[in-house]
Amino acid sequence: MLDKTSRFRKTLGGYNKKKKSSFDFPDAKPDLLVHIRQRAKKDHTKRLMVVIFLFVTIAVGVGFLLKHFNVI
């Protein structure tokens, strides 16, 4: 089996393992970091509430169906 350098040598995507990607990120300011943290917490709380709501809804629905068909 050939190694990846031989396999990707003639690709048109510009595969070059020696070139490193450089990123130009802006400096992170404290107020921006606080805003990102608050937004992440809010999104996490919202997702947790949706998961809990779906779990309770499905559990009640399954319980109702089991009770309705006299399984329990």
PDB file of N, CA and C in Angstrom:
ATOM      1  N   MET A   1       0.842  -1.180   0.000  1.00  0.00           N
ATOM      2  CA  MET A   1       0.000   0.000   0.000  1.00  0.00           C
ATOM      3  C   MET A   1       0.887   1.244   0.000  1.00  0.00           C
ATOM      4  N   LEU A   2       0.545   2.213  -0.825  1.00  0.00           N
ATOM      5  CA  LEU A   2       1.332   3.435  -0.925  1.00  0.00           C
ATOM      6  C   LEU A   2       1.023   4.374   0.232  1.00  0.00           C
ATOM      7  N   ASP A   3       2.026   5.150   0.610  1.00  0.00           N
ATOM      8  CA  ASP A   3       1.770   6.136   1.652  1.00  0.00           C
ATOM      9  C   ASP A   3       1.029   7.329   1.047  1.00  0.00           C
ATOM     10  N   LYS A   4       0.573   8.207   1.906  1.00  0.00           N
ATOM     11  CA  LYS A   4      -0.289   9.305   1.454  1.00  0.00           C
ATOM     12  C   LYS A   4       0.467  10.325   0.605  1.00  0.00           C
ATOM     13  N   THR A   5       1.762  10.469   0.821  1.00  0.00           N
ATOM     14  CA  THR A   5       2.494  11.446   0.013  1.00  0.00           C
ATOM     15  C   THR A   5       2.550  11.008  -1.438  1.00  0.00           C
ATOM     16  N   SER A   6       2.664   9.714  -1.671  1.00  0.00           N
ATOM     17  CA  SER A   6       2.663   9.230  -3.053  1.00  0.00           C
ATOM     18  C   SER A   6       1.270   9.304  -3.656  1.00  0.00           C
ATOM     19  N   ARG A   7       0.274   9.043  -2.849  1.00  0.00           N
ATOM     20  CA  ARG A   7      -1.092   9.056  -3.354  1.00  0.00           C
ATOM     21  C   ARG A   7      -1.566  10.451  -3.701  1.00  0.00           C
ATOM     22  N   PHE A   8      -1.217  11.439  -2.884  1.00  0.00           N
ATOM     23  CA  PHE A   8      -1.729  12.796  -3.069  1.00  0.00           C
ATOM     24  C   PHE A   8      -0.743  13.701  -3.806  1.00  0.00           C
ATOM     25  N   ARG A   9       0.274  13.157  -4.406  1.00  0.00           N
ATOM     26  CA  ARG A   9       1.288  13.980  -5.052  1.00  0.00           C
ATOM     27  C   ARG A   9       0.717  14.736  -6.251  1.00  0.00           C
ATOM     28  N   LYS A  10      -0.181  14.136  -6.988  1.00  0.00           N
ATOM     29  CA  LYS A  10      -0.690  14.756  -8.211  1.00  0.00           C
ATOM     30  C   LYS A  10      -2.104  15.303  -8.057  1.00  0.00           C
ATOM     31  N   THR A  11      -2.500  15.625  -6.850  1.00  0.00           N
ATOM     32  CA  THR A  11      -3.831  16.198  -6.668  1.00  0.00           C
ATOM     33  C   THR A  11      -3.810  17.675  -7.034  1.00  0.00           C
ATOM     34  N   LEU A  12      -4.952  18.192  -7.393  1.00  0.00           N
ATOM     35  CA  LEU A  12      -5.042  19.586  -7.806  1.00  0.00           C
ATOM     36  C   LEU A  12      -5.396  20.512  -6.651  1.00  0.00           C
ATOM     37  N   GLY A  13      -5.538  19.975  -5.456  1.00  0.00           N
ATOM     38  CA  GLY A  13      -5.938  20.791  -4.326  1.00  0.00           C
ATOM     39  C   GLY A  13      -4.806  21.555  -3.684  1.00  0.00           C
ATOM     40  N   GLY A  14      -3.610  21.397  -4.162  1.00  0.00           N
ATOM     41  CA  GLY A  14      -2.490  22.111  -3.590  1.00  0.00           C
ATOM     42  C   GLY A  14      -2.012  21.507  -2.290  1.00  0.00           C
ATOM     43  N   TYR A  15      -2.016  20.204  -2.190  1.00  0.00           N
ATOM     44  CA  TYR A  15      -1.592  19.527  -0.970  1.00  0.00           C
ATOM     45  C   TYR A  15      -0.121  19.801  -0.741  1.00  0.00           C
ATOM     46  N   ASN A  16       0.217  20.433   0.363  1.00  0.00           N
ATOM     47  CA  ASN A  16       1.605  20.732   0.692  1.00  0.00           C
ATOM     48  C   ASN A  16       1.773  20.564   2.181  1.00  0.00           C
ATOM     49  N   LYS A  17       2.479  19.523   2.589  1.00  0.00           N
ATOM     50  CA  LYS A  17       2.601  19.250   4.015  1.00  0.00           C
ATOM     51  C   LYS A  17       3.607  20.158   4.701  1.00  0.00           C
ATOM     52  N   LYS A  18       4.429  20.886   3.936  1.00  0.00           N
ATOM     53  CA  LYS A  18       5.432  21.755   4.542  1.00  0.00           C
ATOM     54  C   LYS A  18       4.877  23.138   4.877  1.00  0.00           C
ATOM     55  N   LYS A  19       3.828  23.529   4.211  1.00  0.00           N
ATOM     56  CA  LYS A  19       3.272  24.855   4.442  1.00  0.00           C
ATOM     57  C   LYS A  19       2.319  24.816   5.628  1.00  0.00           C
ATOM     58  N   LYS A  20       2.513  25.714   6.556  1.00  0.00           N
ATOM     59  CA  LYS A  20       1.638  25.806   7.724  1.00  0.00           C
ATOM     60  C   LYS A  20       0.586  26.878   7.468  1.00  0.00           C
ATOM     61  N   SER A  21      -0.619  26.622   7.947  1.00  0.00           N
ATOM     62  CA  SER A  21      -1.686  27.603   7.813  1.00  0.00           C
ATOM     63  C   SER A  21      -1.483  28.706   8.835  1.00  0.00           C
ATOM     64  N   SER A  22      -1.678  29.923   8.411  1.00  0.00           N
ATOM     65  CA  SER A  22      -1.575  31.039   9.345  1.00  0.00           C
ATOM     66  C   SER A  22      -2.953  31.680   9.471  1.00  0.00           C
ATOM     67  N   PHE A  23      -3.328  31.952  10.694  1.00  0.00           N
ATOM     68  CA  PHE A  23      -4.624  32.535  10.978  1.00  0.00           C
ATOM     69  C   PHE A  23      -4.424  33.920  11.557  1.00  0.00           C
ATOM     70  N   ASP A  24      -5.294  34.827  11.195  1.00  0.00           N
ATOM     71  CA  ASP A  24      -5.202  36.196  11.680  1.00  0.00           C
ATOM     72  C   ASP A  24      -6.433  36.482  12.533  1.00  0.00           C
ATOM     73  N   PHE A  25      -6.412  35.978  13.763  1.00  0.00           N
ATOM     74  CA  PHE A  25      -7.525  36.191  14.671  1.00  0.00           C
ATOM     75  C   PHE A  25      -7.382  37.540  15.358  1.00  0.00           C
ATOM     76  N   PRO A  26      -8.489  38.247  15.584  1.00  0.00           N
ATOM     77  CA  PRO A  26      -8.406  39.499  16.335  1.00  0.00           C
ATOM     78  C   PRO A  26      -8.131  39.212  17.808  1.00  0.00           C
ATOM     79  N   ASP A  27      -7.590  40.198  18.486  1.00  0.00           N
ATOM     80  CA  ASP A  27      -7.333  40.034  19.919  1.00  0.00           C
ATOM     81  C   ASP A  27      -8.652  39.897  20.662  1.00  0.00           C
ATOM     82  N   ALA A  28      -8.679  38.973  21.606  1.00  0.00           N
ATOM     83  CA  ALA A  28      -9.897  38.733  22.383  1.00  0.00           C
ATOM     84  C   ALA A  28      -9.954  39.731  23.529  1.00  0.00           C
ATOM     85  N   LYS A  29     -10.983  40.527  23.528  1.00  0.00           N
ATOM     86  CA  LYS A  29     -11.158  41.501  24.606  1.00  0.00           C
ATOM     87  C   LYS A  29     -11.998  40.860  25.709  1.00  0.00           C
ATOM     88  N   PRO A  30     -11.794  41.265  26.963  1.00  0.00           N
ATOM     89  CA  PRO A  30     -12.521  40.638  28.072  1.00  0.00           C
ATOM     90  C   PRO A  30     -14.037  40.734  27.944  1.00  0.00           C
ATOM     91  N   ASP A  31     -14.553  41.868  27.479  1.00  0.00           N
ATOM     92  CA  ASP A  31     -16.009  41.984  27.366  1.00  0.00           C
ATOM     93  C   ASP A  31     -16.560  41.058  26.283  1.00  0.00           C
ATOM     94  N   LEU A  32     -15.794  40.842  25.220  1.00  0.00           N
ATOM     95  CA  LEU A  32     -16.212  39.899  24.188  1.00  0.00           C
ATOM     96  C   LEU A  32     -16.216  38.469  24.730  1.00  0.00           C
ATOM     97  N   LEU A  33     -15.211  38.125  25.529  1.00  0.00           N
ATOM     98  CA  LEU A  33     -15.158  36.787  26.122  1.00  0.00           C
ATOM     99  C   LEU A  33     -16.312  36.566  27.091  1.00  0.00           C
ATOM    100  N   VAL A  34     -16.667  37.597  27.857  1.00  0.00           N
ATOM    101  CA  VAL A  34     -17.802  37.487  28.776  1.00  0.00           C
ATOM    102  C   VAL A  34     -19.088  37.283  27.983  1.00  0.00           C
ATOM    103  N   HIS A  35     -19.234  38.016  26.892  1.00  0.00           N
ATOM    104  CA  HIS A  35     -20.428  37.879  26.052  1.00  0.00           C
ATOM    105  C   HIS A  35     -20.516  36.469  25.462  1.00  0.00           C
ATOM    106  N   ILE A  36     -19.408  35.947  24.983  1.00  0.00           N
ATOM    107  CA  ILE A  36     -19.392  34.589  24.426  1.00  0.00           C
ATOM    108  C   ILE A  36     -19.727  33.572  25.504  1.00  0.00           C
ATOM    109  N   ARG A  37     -19.188  33.748  26.701  1.00  0.00           N
ATOM    110  CA  ARG A  37     -19.463  32.818  27.803  1.00  0.00           C
ATOM    111  C   ARG A  37     -20.940  32.842  28.184  1.00  0.00           C
ATOM    112  N   GLN A  38     -21.521  34.043  28.268  1.00  0.00           N
ATOM    113  CA  GLN A  38     -22.939  34.152  28.617  1.00  0.00           C
ATOM    114  C   GLN A  38     -23.826  33.522  27.545  1.00  0.00           C
ATOM    115  N   ARG A  39     -23.484  33.740  26.288  1.00  0.00           N
ATOM    116  CA  ARG A  39     -24.270  33.163  25.204  1.00  0.00           C
ATOM    117  C   ARG A  39     -24.166  31.639  25.203  1.00  0.00           C
ATOM    118  N   ALA A  40     -22.976  31.113  25.487  1.00  0.00           N
ATOM    119  CA  ALA A  40     -22.803  29.662  25.539  1.00  0.00           C
ATOM    120  C   ALA A  40     -23.600  29.065  26.693  1.00  0.00           C
ATOM    121  N   LYS A  41     -23.597  29.743  27.848  1.00  0.00           N
ATOM    122  CA  LYS A  41     -24.384  29.263  28.991  1.00  0.00           C
ATOM    123  C   LYS A  41     -25.872  29.278  28.666  1.00  0.00           C
ATOM    124  N   LYS A  42     -26.326  30.344  28.014  1.00  0.00           N
ATOM    125  CA  LYS A  42     -27.740  30.456  27.664  1.00  0.00           C
ATOM    126  C   LYS A  42     -28.139  29.364  26.676  1.00  0.00           C
ATOM    127  N   ASP A  43     -27.298  29.117  25.681  1.00  0.00           N
ATOM    128  CA  ASP A  43     -27.584  28.059  24.711  1.00  0.00           C
ATOM    129  C   ASP A  43     -27.596  26.692  25.378  1.00  0.00           C
ATOM    130  N   HIS A  44     -26.667  26.468  26.303  1.00  0.00           N
ATOM    131  CA  HIS A  44     -26.610  25.186  27.011  1.00  0.00           C
ATOM    132  C   HIS A  44     -27.865  24.986  27.855  1.00  0.00           C
ATOM    133  N   THR A  45     -28.294  26.029  28.557  1.00  0.00           N
ATOM    134  CA  THR A  45     -29.497  25.938  29.383  1.00  0.00           C
ATOM    135  C   THR A  45     -30.727  25.676  28.517  1.00  0.00           C
ATOM    136  N   LYS A  46     -30.810  26.364  27.385  1.00  0.00           N
ATOM    137  CA  LYS A  46     -31.947  26.177  26.484  1.00  0.00           C
ATOM    138  C   LYS A  46     -31.986  24.748  25.950  1.00  0.00           C
ATOM    139  N   ARG A  47     -30.847  24.229  25.550  1.00  0.00           N
ATOM    140  CA  ARG A  47     -30.794  22.859  25.039  1.00  0.00           C
ATOM    141  C   ARG A  47     -31.136  21.852  26.124  1.00  0.00           C
ATOM    142  N   LEU A  48     -30.678  22.092  27.349  1.00  0.00           N
ATOM    143  CA  LEU A  48     -30.988  21.194  28.463  1.00  0.00           C
ATOM    144  C   LEU A  48     -32.488  21.181  28.732  1.00  0.00           C
ATOM    145  N   MET A  49     -33.128  22.340  28.685  1.00  0.00           N
ATOM    146  CA  MET A  49     -34.571  22.404  28.913  1.00  0.00           C
ATOM    147  C   MET A  49     -35.331  21.657  27.814  1.00  0.00           C
ATOM    148  N   VAL A  50     -34.883  21.767  26.576  1.00  0.00           N
ATOM    149  CA  VAL A  50     -35.530  21.048  25.475  1.00  0.00           C
ATOM    150  C   VAL A  50     -35.380  19.545  25.672  1.00  0.00           C
ATOM    151  N   VAL A  51     -34.197  19.097  26.066  1.00  0.00           N
ATOM    152  CA  VAL A  51     -33.967  17.664  26.282  1.00  0.00           C
ATOM    153  C   VAL A  51     -34.841  17.154  27.420  1.00  0.00           C
ATOM    154  N   ILE A  52     -34.918  17.906  28.515  1.00  0.00           N
ATOM    155  CA  ILE A  52     -35.752  17.493  29.650  1.00  0.00           C
ATOM    156  C   ILE A  52     -37.223  17.455  29.236  1.00  0.00           C
ATOM    157  N   PHE A  53     -37.684  18.474  28.509  1.00  0.00           N
ATOM    158  CA  PHE A  53     -39.074  18.512  28.061  1.00  0.00           C
ATOM    159  C   PHE A  53     -39.399  17.322  27.162  1.00  0.00           C
ATOM    160  N   LEU A  54     -38.514  17.015  26.217  1.00  0.00           N
ATOM    161  CA  LEU A  54     -38.754  15.878  25.330  1.00  0.00           C
ATOM    162  C   LEU A  54     -38.754  14.561  26.095  1.00  0.00           C
ATOM    163  N   PHE A  55     -37.843  14.415  27.050  1.00  0.00           N
ATOM    164  CA  PHE A  55     -37.792  13.183  27.835  1.00  0.00           C
ATOM    165  C   PHE A  55     -39.075  12.995  28.633  1.00  0.00           C
ATOM    166  N   VAL A  56     -39.527  14.056  29.297  1.00  0.00           N
ATOM    167  CA  VAL A  56     -40.748  13.964  30.103  1.00  0.00           C
ATOM    168  C   VAL A  56     -41.948  13.683  29.200  1.00  0.00           C
ATOM    169  N   THR A  57     -42.030  14.365  28.061  1.00  0.00           N
ATOM    170  CA  THR A  57     -43.147  14.157  27.142  1.00  0.00           C
ATOM    171  C   THR A  57     -43.183  12.716  26.630  1.00  0.00           C
ATOM    172  N   ILE A  58     -42.049  12.199  26.232  1.00  0.00           N
ATOM    173  CA  ILE A  58     -41.997  10.823  25.730  1.00  0.00           C
ATOM    174  C   ILE A  58     -42.296   9.835  26.847  1.00  0.00           C
ATOM    175  N   ALA A  59     -41.765  10.083  28.047  1.00  0.00           N
ATOM    176  CA  ALA A  59     -42.015   9.176  29.170  1.00  0.00           C
ATOM    177  C   ALA A  59     -43.502   9.149  29.530  1.00  0.00           C
ATOM    178  N   VAL A  60     -44.142  10.312  29.565  1.00  0.00           N
ATOM    179  CA  VAL A  60     -45.574  10.363  29.880  1.00  0.00           C
ATOM    180  C   VAL A  60     -46.373   9.687  28.770  1.00  0.00           C
ATOM    181  N   GLY A  61     -45.998   9.912  27.523  1.00  0.00           N
ATOM    182  CA  GLY A  61     -46.692   9.275  26.402  1.00  0.00           C
ATOM    183  C   GLY A  61     -46.574   7.762  26.439  1.00  0.00           C
ATOM    184  N   VAL A  62     -45.384   7.257  26.708  1.00  0.00           N
ATOM    185  CA  VAL A  62     -45.199   5.805  26.799  1.00  0.00           C
ATOM    186  C   VAL A  62     -45.965   5.254  27.992  1.00  0.00           C
ATOM    187  N   GLY A  63     -45.924   5.957  29.109  1.00  0.00           N
ATOM    188  CA  GLY A  63     -46.675   5.516  30.288  1.00  0.00           C
ATOM    189  C   GLY A  63     -48.167   5.480  30.023  1.00  0.00           C
ATOM    190  N   PHE A  64     -48.667   6.491  29.344  1.00  0.00           N
ATOM    191  CA  PHE A  64     -50.093   6.524  29.011  1.00  0.00           C
ATOM    192  C   PHE A  64     -50.469   5.360  28.093  1.00  0.00           C
ATOM    193  N   LEU A  65     -49.638   5.106  27.088  1.00  0.00           N
ATOM    194  CA  LEU A  65     -49.926   4.000  26.172  1.00  0.00           C
ATOM    195  C   LEU A  65     -49.876   2.651  26.884  1.00  0.00           C
ATOM    196  N   LEU A  66     -48.904   2.471  27.756  1.00  0.00           N
ATOM    197  CA  LEU A  66     -48.820   1.214  28.496  1.00  0.00           C
ATOM    198  C   LEU A  66     -50.019   1.045  29.416  1.00  0.00           C
ATOM    199  N   LYS A  67     -50.425   2.126  30.059  1.00  0.00           N
ATOM    200  CA  LYS A  67     -51.583   2.070  30.946  1.00  0.00           C
ATOM    201  C   LYS A  67     -52.866   1.829  30.135  1.00  0.00           C
ATOM    202  N   HIS A  68     -52.964   2.464  28.979  1.00  0.00           N
ATOM    203  CA  HIS A  68     -54.158   2.345  28.148  1.00  0.00           C
ATOM    204  C   HIS A  68     -54.344   0.917  27.624  1.00  0.00           C
ATOM    205  N   PHE A  69     -53.263   0.262  27.278  1.00  0.00           N
ATOM    206  CA  PHE A  69     -53.350  -1.097  26.748  1.00  0.00           C
ATOM    207  C   PHE A  69     -53.179  -2.158  27.830  1.00  0.00           C
ATOM    208  N   ASN A  70     -53.294  -1.759  29.086  1.00  0.00           N
ATOM    209  CA  ASN A  70     -53.242  -2.651  30.246  1.00  0.00           C
ATOM    210  C   ASN A  70     -51.984  -3.517  30.272  1.00  0.00           C
ATOM    211  N   VAL A  71     -50.867  -2.925  29.929  1.00  0.00           N
ATOM    212  CA  VAL A  71     -49.604  -3.655  29.985  1.00  0.00           C
ATOM    213  C   VAL A  71     -49.062  -3.626  31.400  1.00  0.00           C
ATOM    214  N   ILE A  72     -49.255  -2.514  32.088  1.00  0.00           N
ATOM    215  CA  ILE A  72     -48.801  -2.427  33.482  1.00  0.00           C
ATOM    216  C   ILE A  72     -49.987  -2.412  34.412  1.00  0.00           C
TER     217      ILE A  72
END
